[in-house]
Structure formats: structure tokens, C-alpha cells
């Protein structure tokens, strides 16, 4: 009887460990999938004032010109205004 109980205990621990590994792998794949579209997100800047950057289209607060779309990877880091 002890052998059967021990067998089921080992089986349960193994199954629980396997389920935990599968859940963690699925979550990390989902997180990587969610980050993919964010990498392609466009930012907007003014052609006359490149220091002005926004995440949405609109008009430049300084000159009221239309903001143009650019990729975030092409923008050098700047201090916040």
C-alpha cells in the first residue's frame, strides 16, 4: 500500500511540475508576441522642431504644423521637455 501511495505522490509532483513549466513557457511566448506589435509603433515629430515628439498624430504645439510619422528606432534619445 505504501508503494502505491508513493507512486501516486511522485506521479502527482511530476505532473504538477510539468504543468508549471508548460504554463511558464506559454506566458513567455505570449509576452513576446504582445511586444512584437509595440516595436512597430510609430511616433510623430515636427519637421521644424524635431525635439517635439508625440505618440499620436496632431499639430506641433510650437508652430502648429502637422506632425509627421517616424519609427521610434530612428529617434535619438532626448531629455523630456
C-alpha atoms as a PDB file:
ATOM      1  CA  UNK A   1       0.000   0.000   0.000  1.00  0.00           C
ATOM      2  CA  UNK A   2       2.832   2.410   0.823  1.00  0.00           C
ATOM      3  CA  UNK A   3       4.345   1.718  -2.588  1.00  0.00           C
ATOM      4  CA  UNK A   4       1.121   2.677  -4.364  1.00  0.00           C
ATOM      5  CA  UNK A   5       0.770   5.878  -2.339  1.00  0.00           C
ATOM      6  CA  UNK A   6       4.400   6.767  -3.006  1.00  0.00           C
ATOM      7  CA  UNK A   7       3.933   6.051  -6.721  1.00  0.00           C
ATOM      8  CA  UNK A   8       0.919   8.375  -6.951  1.00  0.00           C
ATOM      9  CA  UNK A   9       2.697  11.079  -4.935  1.00  0.00           C
ATOM     10  CA  UNK A  10       5.676  11.005  -7.324  1.00  0.00           C
ATOM     11  CA  UNK A  11       3.313  10.968 -10.302  1.00  0.00           C
ATOM     12  CA  UNK A  12       1.399  13.976  -8.926  1.00  0.00           C
ATOM     13  CA  UNK A  13       4.564  16.001  -8.249  1.00  0.00           C
ATOM     14  CA  UNK A  14       5.906  15.204 -11.718  1.00  0.00           C
ATOM     15  CA  UNK A  15       2.621  16.174 -13.392  1.00  0.00           C
ATOM     16  CA  UNK A  16       2.397  19.423 -11.377  1.00  0.00           C
ATOM     17  CA  UNK A  17       5.979  20.332 -12.291  1.00  0.00           C
ATOM     18  CA  UNK A  18       5.338  19.631 -15.976  1.00  0.00           C
ATOM     19  CA  UNK A  19       2.170  21.747 -15.928  1.00  0.00           C
ATOM     20  CA  UNK A  20       4.071  24.631 -14.299  1.00  0.00           C
ATOM     21  CA  UNK A  21       6.793  24.503 -16.963  1.00  0.00           C
ATOM     22  CA  UNK A  22       4.210  24.471 -19.769  1.00  0.00           C
ATOM     23  CA  UNK A  23       2.322  27.422 -18.248  1.00  0.00           C
ATOM     24  CA  UNK A  24       5.513  29.467 -17.876  1.00  0.00           C
ATOM     25  CA  UNK A  25       6.574  28.710 -21.465  1.00  0.00           C
ATOM     26  CA  UNK A  26       3.152  29.723 -22.789  1.00  0.00           C
ATOM     27  CA  UNK A  27       3.196  33.004 -20.821  1.00  0.00           C
ATOM     28  CA  UNK A  28       6.660  33.947 -22.069  1.00  0.00           C
ATOM     29  CA  UNK A  29       5.657  33.198 -25.668  1.00  0.00           C
ATOM     30  CA  UNK A  30       2.522  35.308 -25.226  1.00  0.00           C
ATOM     31  CA  UNK A  31       4.562  38.189 -23.792  1.00  0.00           C
ATOM     32  CA  UNK A  32       6.976  38.040 -26.730  1.00  0.00           C
ATOM     33  CA  UNK A  33       4.031  38.016 -29.129  1.00  0.00           C
ATOM     34  CA  UNK A  34       2.473  41.063 -27.444  1.00  0.00           C
ATOM     35  CA  UNK A  35       5.741  43.012 -27.628  1.00  0.00           C
ATOM     36  CA  UNK A  36       6.080  42.451 -31.377  1.00  0.00           C
ATOM     37  CA  UNK A  37       3.410  44.955 -32.485  1.00  0.00           C
ATOM     38  CA  UNK A  38       4.677  47.530 -29.963  1.00  0.00           C
ATOM     39  CA  UNK A  39       8.070  47.503 -31.634  1.00  0.00           C
ATOM     40  CA  UNK A  40       6.417  48.670 -34.874  1.00  0.00           C
ATOM     41  CA  UNK A  41       4.544  51.515 -33.176  1.00  0.00           C
ATOM     42  CA  UNK A  42       5.065  54.867 -34.847  1.00  0.00           C
ATOM     43  CA  UNK A  43       5.855  58.134 -33.142  1.00  0.00           C
ATOM     44  CA  UNK A  44       5.247  61.568 -34.533  1.00  0.00           C
ATOM     45  CA  UNK A  45       7.533  64.586 -34.725  1.00  0.00           C
ATOM     46  CA  UNK A  46       7.521  68.077 -36.185  1.00  0.00           C
ATOM     47  CA  UNK A  47       9.711  68.695 -39.229  1.00  0.00           C
ATOM     48  CA  UNK A  48      10.612  72.180 -37.962  1.00  0.00           C
ATOM     49  CA  UNK A  49      11.049  71.155 -34.314  1.00  0.00           C
ATOM     50  CA  UNK A  50      12.497  67.603 -34.144  1.00  0.00           C
ATOM     51  CA  UNK A  51      12.641  67.771 -30.346  1.00  0.00           C
ATOM     52  CA  UNK A  52       8.823  67.779 -30.269  1.00  0.00           C
ATOM     53  CA  UNK A  53       7.637  64.151 -30.268  1.00  0.00           C
ATOM     54  CA  UNK A  54       4.235  62.645 -29.660  1.00  0.00           C
ATOM     55  CA  UNK A  55       2.729  59.173 -29.708  1.00  0.00           C
ATOM     56  CA  UNK A  56      -0.368  60.386 -31.572  1.00  0.00           C
ATOM     57  CA  UNK A  57      -0.806  62.416 -34.731  1.00  0.00           C
ATOM     58  CA  UNK A  58      -1.670  66.058 -34.348  1.00  0.00           C
ATOM     59  CA  UNK A  59      -0.151  69.501 -34.675  1.00  0.00           C
ATOM     60  CA  UNK A  60       3.117  70.837 -33.301  1.00  0.00           C
ATOM     61  CA  UNK A  61       2.469  72.925 -30.180  1.00  0.00           C
ATOM     62  CA  UNK A  62       5.163  75.432 -31.250  1.00  0.00           C
ATOM     63  CA  UNK A  63       4.392  76.108 -34.925  1.00  0.00           C
ATOM     64  CA  UNK A  64       1.041  74.316 -35.458  1.00  0.00           C
ATOM     65  CA  UNK A  65       2.419  72.308 -38.411  1.00  0.00           C
ATOM     66  CA  UNK A  66       1.216  68.746 -38.988  1.00  0.00           C
ATOM     67  CA  UNK A  67       3.277  66.131 -37.125  1.00  0.00           C
ATOM     68  CA  UNK A  68       4.907  63.510 -39.369  1.00  0.00           C
ATOM     69  CA  UNK A  69       5.199  59.820 -38.572  1.00  0.00           C
ATOM     70  CA  UNK A  70       8.588  58.280 -37.812  1.00  0.00           C
ATOM     71  CA  UNK A  71       9.808  54.972 -36.405  1.00  0.00           C
ATOM     72  CA  UNK A  72      10.985  55.079 -32.771  1.00  0.00           C
ATOM     73  CA  UNK A  73      14.259  53.348 -33.675  1.00  0.00           C
ATOM     74  CA  UNK A  74      15.329  56.356 -35.741  1.00  0.00           C
ATOM     75  CA  UNK A  75      14.855  58.811 -32.869  1.00  0.00           C
ATOM     76  CA  UNK A  76      17.874  59.625 -30.712  1.00  0.00           C
ATOM     77  CA  UNK A  77      17.124  59.851 -27.004  1.00  0.00           C
ATOM     78  CA  UNK A  78      16.422  63.362 -25.741  1.00  0.00           C
ATOM     79  CA  UNK A  79      15.656  64.862 -22.355  1.00  0.00           C
ATOM     80  CA  UNK A  80      11.949  65.417 -21.652  1.00  0.00           C
ATOM     81  CA  UNK A  81      10.650  68.942 -22.199  1.00  0.00           C
END
